[in-house]
Each structure stands twice: as structure tokens, then as C-alpha cells.
């Protein structure tokens, strides 16, 4: 028995000596491995995945510079709907300019794209109707002048009883009739756009001017021109020689999904953006909501009036608009770079307590606004999250797992 005990003690002593002997190959191998880890920059060391807990990564001092950590804050997220549409002229403020009387176009004074003021001349025509009205005016003025002189002469003769009272009264009646005819003739010429000064000049010079001036009825921009010198035009005969639109407000026409249509109301404010001015936002209001759903596209027409203070919007521009449909909600928010979409479609963030050990956490996201993502579940306000470098952490975890 004592011999067996002595043999066991001798074997243990030999093993201990061999482990403590300098230059042993196993001790050198561990040292080399440790040295190699430091030479490679201490790659992230994953833990927790194998034990059933959330995946966790420990970063070295050199790797902490790749990750930015901030506490999760709260932000307001408005309840909004988005859609696309196109800009068009405000048809309620777009007019087709016809000639009030027939005639041939003599001169053109505006072209497409010109901005015109109310009363500015667009074109002139040689109007036979105006010529007839002015001829009647000249004749009426001549008749009034004759009857006035005749009445004055008969009054002088009546003083000496050279004429009867009946003749004098007849002359007075003729003079009053001539005054009425002249007033009617002046009004007829005034309908052609002639001023009182121009009418007085026609009477004084006894010269008719057949040129009819057609002015712009509103201040706006020329959107179409179908006029040419020598073209015979008639009132209301399309196409109109000119079309003028007031561009201080424009229309935005959008076809919204049938499911979104209950959220829209007439009078709601809209924020409009166009590709030509990506940094600008135009204000508007919904003016009309279609009364029917397109049976093919299942969409509803929504029309908005958009303010155009600098006359920058043009018909046909592609536009997107956002409309607020509810009161804003206050929620936890994380910068967009801090949220990672995984391969299975889940959204994750990396949280930490000591800024060195990071744990991946699945979250439920909501709205997106101004570079932040709404977090509905998974993160509490004040928790430290990786706001930059979250994708680096996810890639490092995948690499270490492989």
C-alpha cells in the first residue's frame, strides 16, 4: 500500500516539473496568440449569443473612435400624409382674351411668357363696327351743333314775333333729341374702350379711328398666343388670340390613394416641394376634393391652391406634398445612422451602459423626420445608443460569429 502511494507522489512531481519547465511549447504558444491579438488591434469580442442572451460586443480603445454614443432623446413627430402631384395654372384665375368685336388683327404687343399688367395692350384690330360707331358719333355731334344754333336763332326771332311759338318749341325739341342721340353715340364708342378725351378728339377733328385696342383684363403672365397680324378674329370664336393667367397662386393636382382620402379635408394646410427648388417649401391649402374614385387607379383627385410669391412655379412641374392630418406625438428618437435594418427585416439598435460593451436590441420603429427615426418600443429615454457606427457593430458581430 505504501509502495502505491509513493509511486503516485513521484508521478505528480514529474508532471509539475514538466509544466513549470522554461521554454515549454504550450506556454510559448499562448504567449504568441496573445501577442498576435494585440498586433491585430483587438477585434471585437462577441459574447452572449451562445448562452441565449442578446448579442454583445466589447470594443477596444482603438475601436471606440469608430462609434459615436449619445443618449436617446425625445422628439415630436407630426402625423402626416405624403403624396405626389403636378403644378398647374389656377384655372379660376386664367382668362382667354377674345376681341369684343370682329376685325383683322393689326398689331401684337405681347408674347408667350411675358408678364402683363391689367389694362396693358395685348393686340389691336381694324374694326368696322368701331368705324361705324365713330361715324354715328360724328354725325350726332354735327346734328346737335346744328339744332343748337337753330334754336338760338329762333329764340331771337321769337322776341320780335318773327316766328311762331310752335316753331320755337319744335326747334327746342329737335335740340333735345340731338343731345340724347349724341350721348348714346358717345356711350356706344365708349364700349369699344375709348376714353372721353379720345371721344372729344374724334368729335373735334371729325376723324374716325377704326383701330380697336384689346387690353389685358388681369395682371398675370401670357400662357398662350394664337394671334398673328392679318388674322380675322370674331368674338368668342376659339382659339382665343391670347390666354392670361394670374400666377400669384397655382394649382397642385394630386391623385391620392382611396385609403388615404378620409384624412384629407378642404382647407387643410399643405407643404409643397418641387424638384426645381429642392430647398424651398411652398405653402398651400386644399381647395377641392374629388367626389368620385377613379375605377381604374382607385385614387381620388385632391386640388390645392399653392402660393407663388416669386412667380417661380410653372405649369407641369412635378411636386410632392405633405399634409398634417393629426396632432404631433412625442416619442423616443434615434438618428437614422443609429438604426440598422437586418437581413430578416427587423430593425435593431446598439445600446451600452459603459460606452465599451454594446448590446444589440431589436426595436419597433415608426415615423421618420429631420434625420431621426421614431422608436415605438425597445429603447427608453436617456439610454446610451450608438448613433454612428451601428452598422460597423453589426458587421463586426457577423464577422466574429463566422
Protein backbone atom coordinates (compact mmCIF):
# COMPACT_ATOMS: atom_id res chain seq x y z
CA UNK A 1 0.00 0.00 0.00
CA UNK A 2 2.80 2.35 0.91
CA UNK A 3 4.51 1.48 -2.37
CA UNK A 4 1.44 2.60 -4.39
CA UNK A 5 1.27 5.89 -2.52
CA UNK A 6 4.93 6.55 -3.15
CA UNK A 7 4.54 5.83 -6.88
CA UNK A 8 1.61 8.30 -7.19
CA UNK A 9 3.54 11.04 -5.43
CA UNK A 10 6.51 10.50 -7.77
CA UNK A 11 4.23 10.81 -10.87
CA UNK A 12 2.70 14.08 -9.66
CA UNK A 13 6.11 15.57 -9.04
CA UNK A 14 7.26 14.69 -12.56
CA UNK A 15 4.13 16.32 -14.13
CA UNK A 16 4.54 19.51 -12.08
CA UNK A 17 8.15 19.82 -13.08
CA UNK A 18 7.35 19.39 -16.76
CA UNK A 19 4.66 22.17 -16.65
CA UNK A 20 6.96 24.62 -14.88
CA UNK A 21 9.97 23.98 -17.11
CA UNK A 22 11.11 27.13 -19.03
CA UNK A 23 10.72 27.07 -22.84
CA UNK A 24 7.76 24.71 -22.82
CA UNK A 25 5.98 24.73 -26.18
CA UNK A 26 2.46 25.22 -24.80
CA UNK A 27 3.33 28.33 -22.77
CA UNK A 28 5.05 29.85 -25.80
CA UNK A 29 2.04 29.19 -27.97
CA UNK A 30 -0.34 31.04 -25.62
CA UNK A 31 2.03 33.96 -25.44
CA UNK A 32 2.26 34.12 -29.21
CA UNK A 33 -1.52 34.06 -29.51
CA UNK A 34 -1.87 36.91 -27.02
CA UNK A 35 0.75 38.93 -28.84
CA UNK A 36 -0.99 38.29 -32.11
CA UNK A 37 -4.31 39.60 -30.76
CA UNK A 38 -2.75 42.88 -29.76
CA UNK A 39 -0.98 43.19 -33.09
CA UNK A 40 -4.30 42.83 -34.91
CA UNK A 41 -5.92 45.73 -32.98
CA UNK A 42 -8.04 43.66 -30.58
CA UNK A 43 -11.01 42.73 -32.81
CA UNK A 44 -14.46 42.96 -31.13
CA UNK A 45 -15.11 40.00 -28.86
CA UNK A 46 -18.72 38.74 -29.14
CA UNK A 47 -20.43 37.14 -26.21
CA UNK A 48 -23.90 36.22 -25.06
CA UNK A 49 -25.15 34.71 -28.32
CA UNK A 50 -24.23 31.19 -27.38
CA UNK A 51 -25.77 31.48 -23.93
CA UNK A 52 -29.19 32.56 -25.18
CA UNK A 53 -28.80 36.25 -24.20
CA UNK A 54 -28.71 39.26 -26.53
CA UNK A 55 -25.60 39.55 -28.76
CA UNK A 56 -22.93 41.73 -27.12
CA UNK A 57 -19.64 43.14 -28.39
CA UNK A 58 -16.72 44.53 -26.38
CA UNK A 59 -14.67 47.23 -28.14
CA UNK A 60 -11.01 48.04 -27.58
CA UNK A 61 -9.69 51.55 -27.07
CA UNK A 62 -8.66 51.83 -30.72
CA UNK A 63 -12.13 50.78 -31.95
CA UNK A 64 -14.11 53.19 -29.80
CA UNK A 65 -13.32 56.01 -32.25
CA UNK A 66 -15.47 54.29 -34.90
CA UNK A 67 -18.60 54.51 -32.76
CA UNK A 68 -20.40 57.63 -31.53
CA UNK A 69 -22.60 57.27 -28.46
CA UNK A 70 -25.42 59.60 -27.42
CA UNK A 71 -28.36 59.31 -25.03
CA UNK A 72 -31.69 58.60 -26.69
CA UNK A 73 -33.87 61.72 -26.59
CA UNK A 74 -37.46 62.59 -27.34
CA UNK A 75 -38.73 64.49 -30.36
CA UNK A 76 -42.10 65.47 -31.78
CA UNK A 77 -43.26 63.56 -34.83
CA UNK A 78 -46.22 65.08 -36.71
CA UNK A 79 -48.89 62.80 -38.08
CA UNK A 80 -48.66 63.45 -41.82
CA UNK A 81 -49.60 62.04 -45.18
CA UNK A 82 -47.47 62.34 -48.28
CA UNK A 83 -48.39 62.21 -51.94
CA UNK A 84 -47.21 63.34 -55.36
CA UNK A 85 -48.80 65.61 -57.92
CA UNK A 86 -48.13 68.23 -60.56
CA UNK A 87 -48.33 72.00 -60.75
CA UNK A 88 -50.93 73.63 -62.99
CA UNK A 89 -52.25 77.13 -63.61
CA UNK A 90 -55.03 78.32 -61.37
CA UNK A 91 -57.89 77.88 -63.81
CA UNK A 92 -60.10 80.15 -61.70
CA UNK A 93 -57.63 82.95 -62.45
CA UNK A 94 -56.88 82.09 -66.08
CA UNK A 95 -58.69 84.02 -68.79
CA UNK A 96 -58.98 83.69 -72.54
CA UNK A 97 -58.83 87.12 -74.13
CA UNK A 98 -61.20 87.44 -77.10
CA UNK A 99 -61.86 90.51 -79.19
CA UNK A 100 -65.17 92.17 -78.26
CA UNK A 101 -65.88 92.89 -81.95
CA UNK A 102 -64.85 91.29 -85.18
CA UNK A 103 -61.99 92.58 -87.26
CA UNK A 104 -58.49 91.90 -88.53
CA UNK A 105 -55.50 91.94 -86.21
CA UNK A 106 -53.23 94.89 -86.89
CA UNK A 107 -50.59 94.73 -84.17
CA UNK A 108 -49.37 92.36 -81.44
CA UNK A 109 -47.79 93.70 -78.27
CA UNK A 110 -47.10 90.62 -76.10
CA UNK A 111 -45.70 87.13 -76.49
CA UNK A 112 -45.87 83.90 -74.52
CA UNK A 113 -44.14 84.18 -71.16
CA UNK A 114 -44.47 87.96 -70.87
CA UNK A 115 -45.77 89.41 -67.64
CA UNK A 116 -48.51 91.96 -68.29
CA UNK A 117 -50.46 94.38 -66.16
CA UNK A 118 -54.19 94.91 -66.12
CA UNK A 119 -55.12 97.30 -68.95
CA UNK A 120 -51.91 96.73 -70.90
CA UNK A 121 -52.45 96.43 -74.66
CA UNK A 122 -52.26 92.88 -75.99
CA UNK A 123 -53.27 93.41 -79.62
CA UNK A 124 -55.17 95.81 -81.88
CA UNK A 125 -57.67 95.13 -84.65
CA UNK A 126 -59.13 97.09 -87.52
CA UNK A 127 -62.80 97.04 -86.52
CA UNK A 128 -65.57 98.02 -88.95
CA UNK A 129 -68.00 98.11 -86.02
CA UNK A 130 -65.87 100.73 -84.29
CA UNK A 131 -65.69 102.70 -87.51
CA UNK A 132 -69.48 102.67 -87.77
CA UNK A 133 -69.91 103.73 -84.14
CA UNK A 134 -67.49 106.63 -84.56
CA UNK A 135 -69.21 107.74 -87.76
CA UNK A 136 -72.51 107.81 -85.90
CA UNK A 137 -70.83 109.83 -83.16
CA UNK A 138 -69.53 112.43 -85.61
CA UNK A 139 -72.93 112.70 -87.26
CA UNK A 140 -74.71 113.07 -83.92
CA UNK A 141 -72.31 115.80 -82.88
CA UNK A 142 -72.98 117.65 -86.15
CA UNK A 143 -76.74 117.37 -85.70
CA UNK A 144 -76.52 118.68 -82.13
CA UNK A 145 -74.42 121.62 -83.26
CA UNK A 146 -76.95 122.48 -86.00
CA UNK A 147 -80.01 122.18 -83.77
CA UNK A 148 -78.36 124.26 -81.06
CA UNK A 149 -77.64 127.13 -83.48
CA UNK A 150 -81.11 126.87 -84.96
CA UNK A 151 -82.73 127.05 -81.55
CA UNK A 152 -80.70 130.12 -80.63
CA UNK A 153 -81.71 131.86 -83.88
CA UNK A 154 -85.40 131.11 -83.46
CA UNK A 155 -85.34 132.42 -79.92
CA UNK A 156 -84.02 135.75 -81.15
CA UNK A 157 -86.68 135.88 -83.87
CA UNK A 158 -89.39 134.95 -81.43
CA UNK A 159 -88.56 138.04 -79.38
CA UNK A 160 -89.68 140.17 -82.33
CA UNK A 161 -92.57 137.81 -83.11
CA UNK A 162 -90.93 136.93 -86.41
CA UNK A 163 -91.62 133.24 -85.82
CA UNK A 164 -94.41 131.46 -84.07
CA UNK A 165 -94.09 129.84 -80.68
CA UNK A 166 -94.74 126.48 -82.28
CA UNK A 167 -91.65 126.78 -84.47
CA UNK A 168 -89.51 127.71 -81.48
CA UNK A 169 -90.80 124.80 -79.43
CA UNK A 170 -90.16 122.44 -82.32
CA UNK A 171 -86.59 123.67 -82.54
CA UNK A 172 -86.13 123.12 -78.79
CA UNK A 173 -87.46 119.57 -79.14
CA UNK A 174 -85.08 118.86 -82.03
CA UNK A 175 -82.17 120.17 -79.99
CA UNK A 176 -83.01 117.89 -77.03
CA UNK A 177 -83.33 114.91 -79.35
CA UNK A 178 -79.92 115.67 -80.80
CA UNK A 179 -78.41 115.85 -77.31
CA UNK A 180 -79.80 112.40 -76.48
CA UNK A 181 -78.50 110.97 -79.76
CA UNK A 182 -75.03 112.35 -79.03
CA UNK A 183 -74.98 110.85 -75.54
CA UNK A 184 -75.99 107.47 -76.95
CA UNK A 185 -73.30 107.73 -79.64
CA UNK A 186 -70.67 108.57 -77.04
CA UNK A 187 -71.70 105.58 -74.94
CA UNK A 188 -71.51 103.32 -77.99
CA UNK A 189 -67.98 104.42 -78.73
CA UNK A 190 -67.05 104.15 -75.06
CA UNK A 191 -67.97 100.45 -75.19
CA UNK A 192 -65.06 99.97 -77.57
CA UNK A 193 -62.65 101.16 -74.90
CA UNK A 194 -62.32 104.77 -76.00
CA UNK A 195 -61.86 107.34 -73.26
CA UNK A 196 -63.77 110.62 -73.01
CA UNK A 197 -60.66 112.50 -74.14
CA UNK A 198 -60.38 110.31 -77.23
CA UNK A 199 -64.09 110.75 -77.97
CA UNK A 200 -63.77 114.53 -77.70
CA UNK A 201 -60.83 114.46 -80.09
CA UNK A 202 -62.79 112.40 -82.62
CA UNK A 203 -65.62 114.95 -82.48
CA UNK A 204 -63.30 117.94 -82.71
CA UNK A 205 -61.25 116.52 -85.60
CA UNK A 206 -64.24 114.93 -87.33
CA UNK A 207 -61.98 111.93 -87.95
CA UNK A 208 -62.86 108.29 -87.17
CA UNK A 209 -60.20 105.92 -85.81
CA UNK A 210 -61.08 102.28 -86.62
CA UNK A 211 -58.23 100.76 -84.56
CA UNK A 212 -59.68 98.85 -81.61
CA UNK A 213 -57.34 98.23 -78.66
CA UNK A 214 -57.77 94.94 -76.78
CA UNK A 215 -56.18 95.16 -73.28
CA UNK A 216 -55.34 92.51 -70.71
CA UNK A 217 -58.25 92.08 -68.29
CA UNK A 218 -55.98 90.99 -65.39
CA UNK A 219 -52.40 91.21 -64.23
CA UNK A 220 -50.61 87.98 -65.00
CA UNK A 221 -48.50 86.06 -67.48
CA UNK A 222 -49.19 85.22 -71.13
CA UNK A 223 -49.67 81.46 -71.28
CA UNK A 224 -50.80 81.09 -74.89
CA UNK A 225 -50.95 83.16 -78.09
CA UNK A 226 -52.89 82.23 -81.21
CA UNK A 227 -52.80 85.62 -82.90
CA UNK A 228 -50.99 86.83 -85.99
CA UNK A 229 -51.13 90.09 -87.97
CA UNK A 230 -53.89 89.98 -90.59
CA UNK A 231 -55.81 87.20 -88.87
CA UNK A 232 -59.57 87.80 -88.88
CA UNK A 233 -60.99 87.27 -85.40
CA UNK A 234 -64.53 87.19 -84.04
CA UNK A 235 -65.91 87.40 -80.52
CA UNK A 236 -65.92 84.02 -78.76
CA UNK A 237 -64.54 82.17 -81.77
CA UNK A 238 -61.85 79.76 -80.49
CA UNK A 239 -58.96 79.64 -80.20
CA UNK A 240 -58.64 82.85 -78.23
CA UNK A 241 -55.93 85.19 -79.50
CA UNK A 242 -54.38 85.31 -76.01
CA UNK A 243 -54.59 83.50 -72.70
CA UNK A 244 -53.51 85.23 -69.49
CA UNK A 245 -53.09 83.59 -66.08
CA UNK A 246 -52.68 85.15 -62.67
CA UNK A 247 -49.69 83.16 -61.33
CA UNK A 248 -49.67 84.57 -57.80
CA UNK A 249 -51.35 81.28 -56.89
CA UNK A 250 -51.02 77.96 -58.69
CA UNK A 251 -52.84 74.67 -58.50
CA UNK A 252 -51.31 71.40 -57.41
CA UNK A 253 -53.22 68.39 -58.69
CA UNK A 254 -52.65 65.10 -56.86
CA UNK A 255 -54.26 61.70 -57.05
CA UNK A 256 -54.22 60.19 -53.55
CA UNK A 257 -54.92 56.60 -52.63
CA UNK A 258 -58.51 55.76 -51.83
CA UNK A 259 -57.49 54.54 -48.36
CA UNK A 260 -55.84 57.90 -47.54
CA UNK A 261 -58.69 60.08 -48.80
CA UNK A 262 -60.64 60.19 -45.48
CA UNK A 263 -57.69 62.01 -43.88
CA UNK A 264 -57.99 65.00 -46.24
CA UNK A 265 -60.26 67.98 -45.67
CA UNK A 266 -60.92 71.17 -47.62
CA UNK A 267 -58.94 73.99 -46.04
CA UNK A 268 -56.12 71.85 -44.66
CA UNK A 269 -52.63 73.33 -44.99
CA UNK A 270 -50.15 71.60 -47.27
CA UNK A 271 -46.39 71.91 -47.68
CA UNK A 272 -45.31 71.53 -51.30
CA UNK A 273 -41.86 70.83 -52.73
CA UNK A 274 -40.77 70.72 -56.38
CA UNK A 275 -37.65 69.23 -57.90
CA UNK A 276 -36.56 72.56 -59.34
CA UNK A 277 -36.26 74.06 -55.84
CA UNK A 278 -35.31 71.18 -53.50
CA UNK A 279 -34.51 73.52 -50.60
CA UNK A 280 -37.75 75.50 -50.84
CA UNK A 281 -41.18 74.78 -49.39
CA UNK A 282 -44.33 76.37 -50.79
CA UNK A 283 -47.42 76.87 -48.65
CA UNK A 284 -50.89 75.99 -49.82
CA UNK A 285 -54.35 74.82 -48.83
CA UNK A 286 -56.63 72.10 -50.13
CA UNK A 287 -59.38 73.73 -52.17
CA UNK A 288 -61.18 70.76 -53.74
CA UNK A 289 -61.50 67.04 -53.06
CA UNK A 290 -62.88 64.91 -55.88
CA UNK A 291 -66.36 63.49 -55.44
CA UNK A 292 -65.56 60.17 -57.14
CA UNK A 293 -62.90 57.47 -57.09
CA UNK A 294 -61.19 56.56 -60.33
CA UNK A 295 -62.37 52.99 -61.02
CA UNK A 296 -59.07 52.06 -62.66
CA UNK A 297 -56.48 53.54 -60.31
CA UNK A 298 -58.65 53.65 -57.15
CA UNK A 299 -57.47 57.19 -56.48
CA UNK A 300 -59.16 60.48 -55.59
CA UNK A 301 -58.31 63.88 -57.04
CA UNK A 302 -57.12 66.43 -54.47
CA UNK A 303 -56.55 70.01 -55.65
CA UNK A 304 -54.66 72.59 -53.63
CA UNK A 305 -54.01 76.29 -54.13
CA UNK A 306 -50.31 76.98 -53.67
CA UNK A 307 -48.83 80.41 -53.03
CA UNK A 308 -46.31 81.52 -55.65
CA UNK A 309 -44.94 84.82 -54.30
CA UNK A 310 -41.84 84.87 -56.52
CA UNK A 311 -43.54 83.58 -59.68
CA UNK A 312 -41.23 80.54 -59.63
CA UNK A 313 -43.70 77.71 -60.04
CA UNK A 314 -44.53 76.68 -63.58
CA UNK A 315 -47.26 74.53 -65.01
CA UNK A 316 -46.27 70.89 -65.39
CA UNK A 317 -43.70 70.79 -62.58
CA UNK A 318 -43.57 67.53 -60.63
CA UNK A 319 -44.40 68.14 -56.96
CA UNK A 320 -44.61 66.30 -53.67
CA UNK A 321 -46.70 67.48 -50.77
CA UNK A 322 -47.05 66.74 -47.08
CA UNK A 323 -50.22 67.39 -45.13
CA UNK A 324 -50.62 67.21 -41.38
CA UNK A 325 -53.62 65.03 -40.50
CA UNK A 326 -53.28 64.90 -36.72
CA UNK A 327 -51.63 66.37 -33.64
CA UNK A 328 -47.89 65.63 -33.33
CA UNK A 329 -46.79 62.86 -30.95
CA UNK A 330 -43.72 62.93 -28.72
CA UNK A 331 -41.62 59.76 -28.83
CA UNK A 332 -38.11 58.43 -28.31
CA UNK A 333 -35.98 59.24 -31.35
CA UNK A 334 -32.66 57.90 -32.64
CA UNK A 335 -30.63 59.30 -35.56
CA UNK A 336 -31.08 57.37 -38.77
CA UNK A 337 -27.47 56.12 -38.67
CA UNK A 338 -28.19 54.50 -35.32
CA UNK A 339 -30.87 52.16 -36.69
CA UNK A 340 -29.85 49.08 -38.69
CA UNK A 341 -32.14 47.02 -40.87
CA UNK A 342 -31.14 43.38 -40.50
CA UNK A 343 -31.32 40.75 -43.21
CA UNK A 344 -34.59 39.39 -41.89
CA UNK A 345 -36.20 42.84 -42.00
CA UNK A 346 -36.04 43.59 -38.27
CA UNK A 347 -34.73 46.94 -37.05
CA UNK A 348 -32.04 47.00 -34.37
CA UNK A 349 -30.02 49.48 -32.32
CA UNK A 350 -26.91 49.05 -30.18
CA UNK A 351 -27.19 50.14 -26.55
CA UNK A 352 -24.44 50.46 -23.96
CA UNK A 353 -24.05 51.32 -20.33
CA UNK A 354 -20.28 51.87 -20.12
CA UNK A 355 -19.58 53.06 -23.72
CA UNK A 356 -17.44 49.95 -24.29
CA UNK A 357 -19.76 46.98 -24.09
CA UNK A 358 -22.55 47.19 -26.72
CA UNK A 359 -25.67 45.04 -26.82
CA UNK A 360 -27.84 44.63 -29.90
CA UNK A 361 -31.53 45.22 -29.29
CA UNK A 362 -34.49 44.75 -31.61
CA UNK A 363 -36.76 47.81 -31.75
CA UNK A 364 -40.06 48.81 -33.32
CA UNK A 365 -39.73 51.94 -35.45
CA UNK A 366 -42.31 54.45 -36.63
CA UNK A 367 -42.11 57.78 -38.42
CA UNK A 368 -39.05 59.42 -39.92
CA UNK A 369 -38.41 63.17 -39.82
CA UNK A 370 -35.45 65.56 -39.99
CA UNK A 371 -32.84 62.78 -39.83
CA UNK A 372 -34.40 60.94 -36.88
CA UNK A 373 -36.34 57.70 -36.61
CA UNK A 374 -39.19 57.30 -34.16
CA UNK A 375 -38.69 54.38 -31.75
CA UNK A 376 -42.03 52.96 -30.63
CA UNK A 377 -40.64 50.14 -28.47
CA UNK A 378 -37.24 48.85 -27.39
CA UNK A 379 -35.40 51.95 -26.12
CA UNK A 380 -36.09 54.17 -23.14
CA UNK A 381 -35.29 57.90 -22.99
CA UNK A 382 -31.78 58.53 -21.69
CA UNK A 383 -30.35 55.14 -22.67
CA UNK A 384 -26.98 55.34 -24.39
CA UNK A 385 -27.19 54.19 -28.02
CA UNK A 386 -24.70 54.09 -30.86
CA UNK A 387 -25.79 56.95 -33.13
CA UNK A 388 -22.90 56.43 -35.59
CA UNK A 389 -21.13 53.16 -36.25
CA UNK A 390 -24.14 50.92 -35.61
CA UNK A 391 -23.62 49.26 -38.98
CA UNK A 392 -19.95 48.72 -38.08
CA UNK A 393 -21.00 46.90 -34.91
CA UNK A 394 -23.50 44.70 -36.81
CA UNK A 395 -20.87 43.80 -39.43
CA UNK A 396 -18.31 43.08 -36.70
CA UNK A 397 -20.74 40.78 -34.92
CA UNK A 398 -21.48 38.90 -38.14
CA UNK A 399 -17.76 38.54 -38.92
CA UNK A 400 -16.92 37.35 -35.41
CA UNK A 401 -19.80 34.88 -35.46
CA UNK A 402 -18.48 33.34 -38.68
